[in-house]
């Protein structure tokens, strides 16, 4: 961004200039009063730099006519007059000098270097424009403090992340794993520096154990600045009962049963025991650590068997419901399934046979349907022509009637 131009007279020299410098400046200033041409433009840009790095100031002239260019600091001391440096500060170095540009670098920039720097062009009238140097300071330190190093599942803990001595004030963001969370920030200003503290309240569960909580800084002077702490969460055991034998099928009389109890927690469960819910444990049941064994099942073993595990956080359990079937329960079921299959096959055959019989009878009756005539047309079959057939038929009818009368 170009600085704001304003008219100005010749600038004062730096405090450390040689004895002949004031005279030289006076002569040049007097010469600058004489018109040197029209249409010259002085151009510069603002500079933003991180503390400790290098800032470059450029004073440029458009349509130059060889007028003198000089650069002044915020105290209006001359840094460079043409290619001569009156100011005794070796951090300023000449990068380029020509009739159209004066470019100067400032190394190891600090907050005290921040402010307006003036470019002057000795024309008639003299021209002046300023550029602003802004110094960014990244956070000096980034720290996460956790209220409790070890938390218990279901508990709400407080985390604080502090970014110290930055300029401008930084923005703090929170992440748990890849999920962004929302914290509450407070800003304190000390002189030209800012300290930001962000507070995060987090309710933890067993799934948060070992998950990193990340404090990340958004600041123009630094990229990817972050710190993290890993959560440590204690939780009561998770218990599971599995059946080792029989692997599949029914639990039948006379056969063995083997169960195994597994439990996971933090800290790891140290106390694990088997019991029978609402009844005493049968005497023939063998418990060995996490295993329960019944070598010869009978129906008196029916019931619910529970495995309990506990640690410093709490106690949990898992149940197994046992129902003992008759020793031939599986075989009888197989026999019944075979019988049902046989009966179903027989029924299907019978139904098929009946359908075939109905089809045959239907075709037979349909074929003999035309043989059932009355005797009214008797004698017509032997007629030589149609007229004779009619006469014969009528005669047949008359004969029939005569026969009927005769018998009566």
Protein backbone atom coordinates (compact mmCIF):
# COMPACT_ATOMS: atom_id res chain seq x y z
CA UNK A 1 0.00 0.00 0.00
CA UNK A 2 1.45 3.38 -0.91
CA UNK A 3 2.15 5.77 1.94
CA UNK A 4 0.54 9.22 2.16
CA UNK A 5 2.52 11.96 0.38
CA UNK A 6 3.00 15.37 1.92
CA UNK A 7 5.17 18.42 1.12
CA UNK A 8 8.28 18.89 3.23
CA UNK A 9 11.50 20.81 3.34
CA UNK A 10 15.00 19.26 3.45
CA UNK A 11 15.45 16.76 6.28
CA UNK A 12 17.90 17.08 9.12
CA UNK A 13 20.99 14.90 9.13
CA UNK A 14 21.64 11.97 11.43
CA UNK A 15 23.22 12.60 14.77
CA UNK A 16 26.43 10.84 13.80
CA UNK A 17 27.15 12.67 10.50
CA UNK A 18 30.71 13.97 9.78
CA UNK A 19 31.55 17.63 10.27
CA UNK A 20 31.28 18.52 6.58
CA UNK A 21 27.88 16.84 6.18
CA UNK A 22 25.72 19.80 7.36
CA UNK A 23 27.41 22.07 4.82
CA UNK A 24 26.89 19.51 2.08
CA UNK A 25 23.22 19.12 2.96
CA UNK A 26 22.77 22.87 3.00
CA UNK A 27 24.22 23.22 -0.49
CA UNK A 28 22.06 20.39 -1.83
CA UNK A 29 18.97 21.81 -0.17
CA UNK A 30 19.62 25.16 -1.78
CA UNK A 31 20.03 23.48 -5.13
CA UNK A 32 16.73 21.65 -4.65
CA UNK A 33 14.90 24.97 -4.58
CA UNK A 34 15.60 25.44 -8.29
CA UNK A 35 12.85 23.84 -10.43
CA UNK A 36 13.96 20.48 -11.80
CA UNK A 37 10.97 19.47 -13.95
CA UNK A 38 7.34 18.41 -13.64
CA UNK A 39 5.43 15.14 -13.41
CA UNK A 40 7.71 13.24 -10.99
CA UNK A 41 5.97 10.77 -8.65
CA UNK A 42 7.37 9.24 -5.48
CA UNK A 43 6.22 5.68 -4.69
CA UNK A 44 6.73 3.27 -1.77
CA UNK A 45 4.91 0.41 0.04
CA UNK A 46 4.22 -0.51 3.65
CA UNK A 47 6.34 -3.31 5.09
CA UNK A 48 5.30 -6.09 7.47
CA UNK A 49 8.12 -8.15 8.95
CA UNK A 50 8.58 -10.75 11.68
CA UNK A 51 10.77 -9.77 14.58
CA UNK A 52 14.39 -10.74 13.96
CA UNK A 53 14.02 -10.89 10.18
CA UNK A 54 14.91 -8.39 7.41
CA UNK A 55 12.77 -5.45 6.29
CA UNK A 56 13.37 -3.82 2.91
CA UNK A 57 12.35 -0.19 2.27
CA UNK A 58 12.11 1.08 -1.30
CA UNK A 59 11.77 4.70 -2.39
CA UNK A 60 11.04 4.82 -6.15
CA UNK A 61 10.67 7.74 -8.56
CA UNK A 62 8.57 7.71 -11.71
CA UNK A 63 9.69 10.02 -14.52
CA UNK A 64 12.97 10.75 -12.73
CA UNK A 65 15.05 13.85 -13.63
CA UNK A 66 18.00 12.93 -11.39
CA UNK A 67 16.62 14.68 -8.31
CA UNK A 68 18.16 13.67 -4.97
CA UNK A 69 16.43 10.89 -2.96
CA UNK A 70 16.89 10.38 0.75
CA UNK A 71 15.40 8.09 3.44
CA UNK A 72 14.60 9.16 7.02
CA UNK A 73 13.71 7.14 10.11
CA UNK A 74 10.64 7.79 12.38
CA UNK A 75 12.72 10.36 14.32
CA UNK A 76 13.35 12.11 10.99
CA UNK A 77 17.05 11.32 11.07
CA UNK A 78 18.61 10.72 7.65
CA UNK A 79 19.36 7.05 7.08
CA UNK A 80 20.61 7.39 3.48
CA UNK A 81 21.27 10.48 1.38
CA UNK A 82 21.72 9.18 -2.12
CA UNK A 83 24.16 6.28 -1.51
CA UNK A 84 25.71 7.82 1.62
CA UNK A 85 24.65 6.65 5.11
CA UNK A 86 24.94 9.40 7.74
CA UNK A 87 23.23 7.32 10.47
CA UNK A 88 25.62 5.14 12.49
CA UNK A 89 23.47 2.02 12.49
CA UNK A 90 25.12 -0.81 10.59
CA UNK A 91 21.84 -2.77 10.41
CA UNK A 92 20.85 -0.44 7.53
CA UNK A 93 22.48 -1.52 4.29
CA UNK A 94 22.18 -0.13 0.79
CA UNK A 95 20.58 -2.67 -1.56
CA UNK A 96 20.18 -0.50 -4.65
CA UNK A 97 20.78 3.13 -5.62
CA UNK A 98 19.95 4.80 -8.90
CA UNK A 99 18.31 7.96 -10.21
CA UNK A 100 14.94 6.24 -9.90
CA UNK A 101 15.28 4.12 -6.73
CA UNK A 102 16.78 4.06 -3.25
CA UNK A 103 16.39 0.61 -1.67
CA UNK A 104 17.61 -0.09 1.87
CA UNK A 105 17.49 -3.21 4.04
CA UNK A 106 17.14 -3.32 7.83
CA UNK A 107 18.36 -6.53 9.46
CA UNK A 108 17.41 -8.03 12.83
CA UNK A 109 14.24 -5.98 13.09
CA UNK A 110 12.85 -5.32 16.57
CA UNK A 111 9.74 -3.70 17.99
CA UNK A 112 11.66 -0.44 18.45
CA UNK A 113 12.10 -0.22 14.68
CA UNK A 114 8.37 -0.05 14.08
CA UNK A 115 6.92 3.24 12.73
CA UNK A 116 6.90 5.58 9.73
CA UNK A 117 9.92 5.92 7.43
CA UNK A 118 10.00 8.89 5.04
CA UNK A 119 11.10 9.01 1.43
CA UNK A 120 12.01 12.53 0.26
CA UNK A 121 12.66 13.78 -3.24
CA UNK A 122 14.45 17.13 -3.65
CA UNK A 123 12.35 18.82 -6.31
CA UNK A 124 10.63 22.18 -6.36
CA UNK A 125 8.51 21.91 -4.36
CA UNK A 126 10.08 18.91 -2.49
CA UNK A 127 8.07 15.69 -2.39
CA UNK A 128 7.68 13.37 0.58
CA UNK A 129 5.92 10.06 1.15
CA UNK A 130 6.06 7.64 4.05
CA UNK A 131 6.03 3.86 4.48
CA UNK A 132 5.04 2.07 7.68
CA UNK A 133 7.03 -0.82 9.09
CA UNK A 134 4.90 -3.21 11.17
CA UNK A 135 6.72 -5.78 13.29
CA UNK A 136 5.06 -9.12 14.10
CA UNK A 137 6.10 -11.07 17.19
CA UNK A 138 5.23 -14.79 17.36
CA UNK A 139 4.27 -16.32 20.73
CA UNK A 140 7.28 -16.91 22.94
CA UNK A 141 5.90 -20.02 24.53
CA UNK A 142 2.95 -22.37 24.11
CA UNK A 143 2.00 -24.52 27.08
CA UNK A 144 -0.95 -26.79 28.00
CA UNK A 145 -1.79 -27.23 31.66
CA UNK A 146 -4.18 -30.04 32.69
CA UNK A 147 -6.13 -29.83 35.91
CA UNK A 148 -5.62 -33.56 36.53
CA UNK A 149 -2.93 -35.72 35.01
CA UNK A 150 -5.21 -38.78 35.36
CA UNK A 151 -8.99 -38.54 35.09
CA UNK A 152 -11.85 -40.98 35.68
CA UNK A 153 -14.42 -41.69 32.98
CA UNK A 154 -17.44 -39.39 33.23
CA UNK A 155 -15.38 -36.68 34.94
CA UNK A 156 -15.06 -33.12 33.57
CA UNK A 157 -11.51 -31.82 33.46
CA UNK A 158 -10.09 -28.36 32.74
CA UNK A 159 -7.29 -27.67 30.27
CA UNK A 160 -5.57 -24.31 29.76
CA UNK A 161 -3.36 -23.32 26.83
CA UNK A 162 -1.24 -20.16 27.10
CA UNK A 163 0.49 -18.29 24.25
CA UNK A 164 2.81 -15.65 25.73
CA UNK A 165 4.19 -12.34 24.44
CA UNK A 166 2.87 -12.18 20.90
CA UNK A 167 2.02 -9.28 18.65
CA UNK A 168 -0.74 -9.01 17.59
CA UNK A 169 -2.78 -11.18 19.96
CA UNK A 170 -2.93 -14.77 18.80
CA UNK A 171 -5.99 -17.00 18.23
CA UNK A 172 -6.01 -20.39 19.97
CA UNK A 173 -7.86 -23.43 18.60
CA UNK A 174 -8.48 -26.77 20.33
CA UNK A 175 -8.60 -30.27 18.84
CA UNK A 176 -9.26 -33.70 20.36
CA UNK A 177 -7.82 -36.07 17.82
CA UNK A 178 -9.22 -34.74 14.52
CA UNK A 179 -12.29 -33.12 16.08
CA UNK A 180 -12.21 -29.38 16.75
CA UNK A 181 -13.51 -28.22 20.14
CA UNK A 182 -14.52 -24.81 21.45
CA UNK A 183 -12.61 -23.08 24.22
CA UNK A 184 -12.91 -19.73 25.99
CA UNK A 185 -10.05 -17.21 25.55
CA UNK A 186 -8.82 -14.26 27.61
CA UNK A 187 -6.32 -11.64 26.39
CA UNK A 188 -3.87 -9.67 28.57
CA UNK A 189 -1.76 -6.82 27.24
CA UNK A 190 1.69 -5.99 28.60
CA UNK A 191 3.17 -2.91 26.92
CA UNK A 192 3.07 -3.79 23.19
CA UNK A 193 2.75 -7.54 23.78
CA UNK A 194 -0.26 -9.80 24.27
CA UNK A 195 -0.68 -12.98 26.30
CA UNK A 196 -3.65 -15.20 25.42
CA UNK A 197 -5.01 -18.01 27.61
CA UNK A 198 -7.71 -20.37 26.36
CA UNK A 199 -9.70 -22.63 28.70
CA UNK A 200 -11.26 -25.92 27.62
CA UNK A 201 -13.71 -27.97 29.71
CA UNK A 202 -13.81 -31.59 28.60
CA UNK A 203 -15.92 -34.50 29.86
CA UNK A 204 -13.86 -37.63 29.31
CA UNK A 205 -14.84 -41.25 28.63
CA UNK A 206 -12.91 -44.49 28.26
CA UNK A 207 -12.66 -43.87 24.51
CA UNK A 208 -10.56 -40.74 25.25
CA UNK A 209 -7.75 -42.67 26.94
CA UNK A 210 -4.55 -42.13 24.97
CA UNK A 211 -6.13 -39.51 22.66
CA UNK A 212 -4.10 -36.30 22.12
CA UNK A 213 -5.57 -32.91 22.97
CA UNK A 214 -3.97 -30.30 20.70
CA UNK A 215 -3.58 -26.56 21.25
CA UNK A 216 -2.96 -24.82 17.90
CA UNK A 217 -2.06 -21.17 17.29
CA UNK A 218 -3.31 -18.97 14.45
CA UNK A 219 -0.88 -16.06 14.07
CA UNK A 220 0.45 -14.17 11.01
CA UNK A 221 4.04 -14.50 12.26
CA UNK A 222 4.12 -18.28 12.59
CA UNK A 223 2.72 -21.42 10.92
CA UNK A 224 1.90 -24.81 12.40
CA UNK A 225 2.73 -23.82 15.96
CA UNK A 226 1.05 -26.29 18.30
CA UNK A 227 1.51 -28.36 21.40
CA UNK A 228 -0.37 -31.40 22.70
CA UNK A 229 -1.04 -33.51 25.77
CA UNK A 230 -2.27 -37.09 25.84
CA UNK A 231 -5.29 -37.84 27.99
CA UNK A 232 -5.06 -40.58 30.60
CA UNK A 233 -8.49 -41.88 31.58
CA UNK A 234 -9.23 -44.64 34.08
CA UNK A 235 -12.40 -46.72 33.68
CA UNK A 236 -14.08 -49.72 35.27
CA UNK A 237 -13.80 -53.17 33.65
CA UNK A 238 -15.61 -54.37 30.57
CA UNK A 239 -16.55 -58.03 31.12
CA UNK A 240 -17.43 -60.74 28.56
CA UNK A 241 -18.26 -64.46 29.00
CA UNK A 242 -17.56 -66.86 26.14
CA UNK A 243 -18.44 -70.56 25.77
CA UNK A 244 -15.40 -72.70 24.93
CA UNK A 245 -17.21 -76.08 24.91
CA UNK A 246 -19.46 -77.14 23.36
CA UNK A 247 -18.58 -74.79 20.53
CA UNK A 248 -21.96 -75.29 18.87
CA UNK A 249 -25.17 -77.14 19.60
CA UNK A 250 -27.07 -77.79 22.80
CA UNK A 251 -25.82 -78.15 26.33
CA UNK A 252 -27.08 -81.66 27.11
CA UNK A 253 -27.07 -83.90 30.13
CA UNK A 254 -23.88 -85.82 30.71
CA UNK A 255 -21.75 -83.55 28.55
CA UNK A 256 -19.17 -80.98 29.77
CA UNK A 257 -19.41 -77.19 29.74
CA UNK A 258 -16.47 -74.78 29.80
CA UNK A 259 -16.82 -70.98 30.12
CA UNK A 260 -14.14 -68.27 30.02
CA UNK A 261 -14.40 -64.76 31.45
CA UNK A 262 -12.37 -61.88 30.01
CA UNK A 263 -12.16 -58.39 31.50
CA UNK A 264 -10.46 -55.18 30.35
CA UNK A 265 -10.15 -51.94 32.31
CA UNK A 266 -7.77 -49.23 33.45
CA UNK A 267 -6.16 -50.14 35.71
CA UNK A 268 -6.31 -53.79 34.65
CA UNK A 269 -8.78 -55.73 36.88
CA UNK A 270 -7.08 -57.70 39.64
CA UNK A 271 -10.16 -59.26 41.25
CA UNK A 272 -12.28 -61.69 39.18
CA UNK A 273 -14.77 -64.26 40.50
CA UNK A 274 -17.64 -66.57 39.42
CA UNK A 275 -20.97 -66.91 41.20
CA UNK A 276 -24.42 -68.34 40.58
CA UNK A 277 -27.21 -65.77 40.62
CA UNK A 278 -29.97 -66.42 43.19
CA UNK A 279 -28.53 -69.83 44.13
CA UNK A 280 -25.44 -71.55 45.46
CA UNK A 281 -22.70 -72.73 43.13
CA UNK A 282 -22.99 -76.54 42.55
CA UNK A 283 -20.28 -78.49 44.30
CA UNK A 284 -19.14 -80.25 41.14
CA UNK A 285 -18.40 -76.92 39.39
CA UNK A 286 -14.66 -76.25 39.07
CA UNK A 287 -13.50 -72.61 38.92
CA UNK A 288 -9.90 -71.97 37.88
CA UNK A 289 -9.06 -68.28 37.57
CA UNK A 290 -11.19 -66.90 34.74
CA UNK A 291 -12.46 -70.37 33.67
CA UNK A 292 -15.56 -72.26 34.86
CA UNK A 293 -15.89 -76.02 34.14
CA UNK A 294 -18.81 -78.42 34.64
CA UNK A 295 -17.65 -81.89 33.57
CA UNK A 296 -21.04 -83.68 33.76
CA UNK A 297 -24.08 -81.49 33.17
CA UNK A 298 -27.46 -82.25 34.71
CA UNK A 299 -30.68 -80.32 34.94
CA UNK A 300 -29.94 -79.16 38.47
CA UNK A 301 -27.22 -76.98 36.93
CA UNK A 302 -29.80 -74.79 35.20
CA UNK A 303 -29.47 -71.12 36.13
CA UNK A 304 -27.54 -67.90 35.56
CA UNK A 305 -23.77 -67.87 36.09
CA UNK A 306 -22.12 -64.48 36.58
CA UNK A 307 -18.51 -63.35 36.20
CA UNK A 308 -17.60 -60.23 38.21
CA UNK A 309 -14.45 -58.14 37.78
CA UNK A 310 -13.33 -55.02 39.65
CA UNK A 311 -10.53 -52.47 39.75
CA UNK A 312 -9.86 -49.18 41.53
CA UNK A 313 -12.60 -47.43 39.54
CA UNK A 314 -15.49 -49.85 39.99
CA UNK A 315 -17.08 -53.25 39.39
CA UNK A 316 -18.74 -54.81 36.34
CA UNK A 317 -20.20 -58.23 35.43
CA UNK A 318 -21.44 -60.41 32.57
CA UNK A 319 -24.03 -63.24 32.80
CA UNK A 320 -24.41 -66.65 31.13
CA UNK A 321 -27.79 -68.42 31.22
CA UNK A 322 -27.47 -72.23 31.27
CA UNK A 323 -30.28 -74.57 30.24
CA UNK A 324 -29.51 -78.30 30.18
CA UNK A 325 -31.41 -80.40 27.62
CA UNK A 326 -32.14 -84.14 27.68
CA UNK A 327 -29.30 -86.31 26.49
CA UNK A 328 -31.30 -87.41 23.39
CA UNK A 329 -32.72 -83.99 22.66
CA UNK A 330 -30.66 -83.52 19.58
CA UNK A 331 -31.25 -87.08 18.25
CA UNK A 332 -35.02 -86.95 18.76
CA UNK A 333 -35.11 -83.67 16.95
CA UNK A 334 -33.24 -85.25 14.04
CA UNK A 335 -35.63 -88.26 13.98
CA UNK A 336 -38.66 -85.98 14.02
CA UNK A 337 -37.26 -84.02 11.14
CA UNK A 338 -36.72 -87.26 9.14
CA UNK A 339 -40.30 -88.47 9.89
CA UNK A 340 -41.73 -85.19 8.77
CA UNK A 341 -39.80 -85.43 5.53
CA UNK A 342 -41.07 -88.99 4.81
CA UNK A 343 -44.69 -88.07 5.55
CA UNK A 344 -44.43 -85.04 3.35
CA UNK A 345 -43.07 -87.17 0.47
CA UNK A 346 -45.89 -89.74 0.73
CA UNK A 347 -48.56 -87.03 0.75
CA UNK A 348 -47.04 -85.49 -2.34
CA UNK A 349 -47.09 -88.82 -4.22
CA UNK A 350 -50.74 -89.48 -3.30
CA UNK A 351 -51.81 -86.04 -4.44
CA UNK A 352 -49.99 -86.50 -7.73
CA UNK A 353 -51.66 -89.90 -8.36
CA UNK A 354 -55.11 -88.47 -7.72
CA UNK A 355 -54.52 -85.65 -10.14
CA UNK A 356 -53.43 -88.11 -12.84
CA UNK A 357 -56.58 -90.25 -12.28
CA UNK A 358 -58.86 -87.23 -12.56
CA UNK A 359 -57.23 -86.24 -15.85
CA UNK A 360 -57.70 -89.78 -17.33
CA UNK A 361 -61.38 -89.99 -16.31
CA UNK A 362 -62.09 -86.58 -17.72
CA UNK A 363 -60.66 -87.47 -21.11
CA UNK A 364 -62.59 -90.80 -21.18
CA UNK A 365 -66.00 -89.19 -20.56
CA UNK A 366 -65.32 -86.48 -23.07
CA UNK A 367 -64.56 -89.06 -25.80
CA UNK A 368 -67.83 -91.11 -25.30
CA UNK A 369 -70.21 -88.21 -25.00
CA UNK A 370 -71.71 -88.56 -28.62
CA UNK A 371 -73.06 -92.16 -28.22
CA UNK A 372 -76.01 -91.20 -26.03
CA UNK A 373 -78.78 -90.44 -28.66
CA UNK A 374 -82.55 -91.14 -28.53
CA UNK A 375 -84.24 -93.52 -30.94
CA UNK A 376 -85.96 -90.74 -32.83
CA UNK A 377 -83.40 -90.87 -35.69
CA UNK A 378 -83.14 -94.61 -35.81
CA UNK A 379 -83.03 -95.85 -39.45
CA UNK A 380 -81.59 -92.64 -40.85
CA UNK A 381 -78.08 -94.08 -40.97
CA UNK A 382 -79.10 -96.59 -43.77
CA UNK A 383 -80.82 -94.02 -46.03
CA UNK A 384 -79.56 -93.48 -49.61
CA UNK A 385 -80.25 -89.77 -49.56
CA UNK A 386 -81.52 -87.02 -47.29
CA UNK A 387 -85.21 -87.38 -48.23
CA UNK A 388 -85.13 -91.11 -47.55
CA UNK A 389 -83.40 -90.43 -44.23
CA UNK A 390 -86.20 -88.10 -43.20
CA UNK A 391 -88.88 -90.60 -44.22
CA UNK A 392 -87.07 -93.42 -42.44
CA UNK A 393 -86.71 -91.25 -39.38
CA UNK A 394 -90.37 -90.40 -39.38
CA UNK A 395 -91.21 -94.02 -39.92
CA UNK A 396 -89.00 -94.95 -37.11
CA UNK A 397 -90.79 -92.50 -34.95
CA UNK A 398 -94.15 -93.87 -35.92
CA UNK A 399 -92.99 -97.41 -35.33
CA UNK A 400 -91.81 -96.42 -32.00
CA UNK A 401 -95.10 -94.90 -31.12
CA UNK A 402 -96.91 -98.01 -32.39
CA UNK A 403 -94.74 -100.20 -30.28
CA UNK A 404 -95.48 -98.07 -27.31
CA UNK A 405 -99.22 -98.39 -27.92
CA UNK A 406 -98.94 -102.11 -28.45
CA UNK A 407 -97.30 -102.74 -25.20
CA UNK A 408 -99.77 -100.60 -23.38
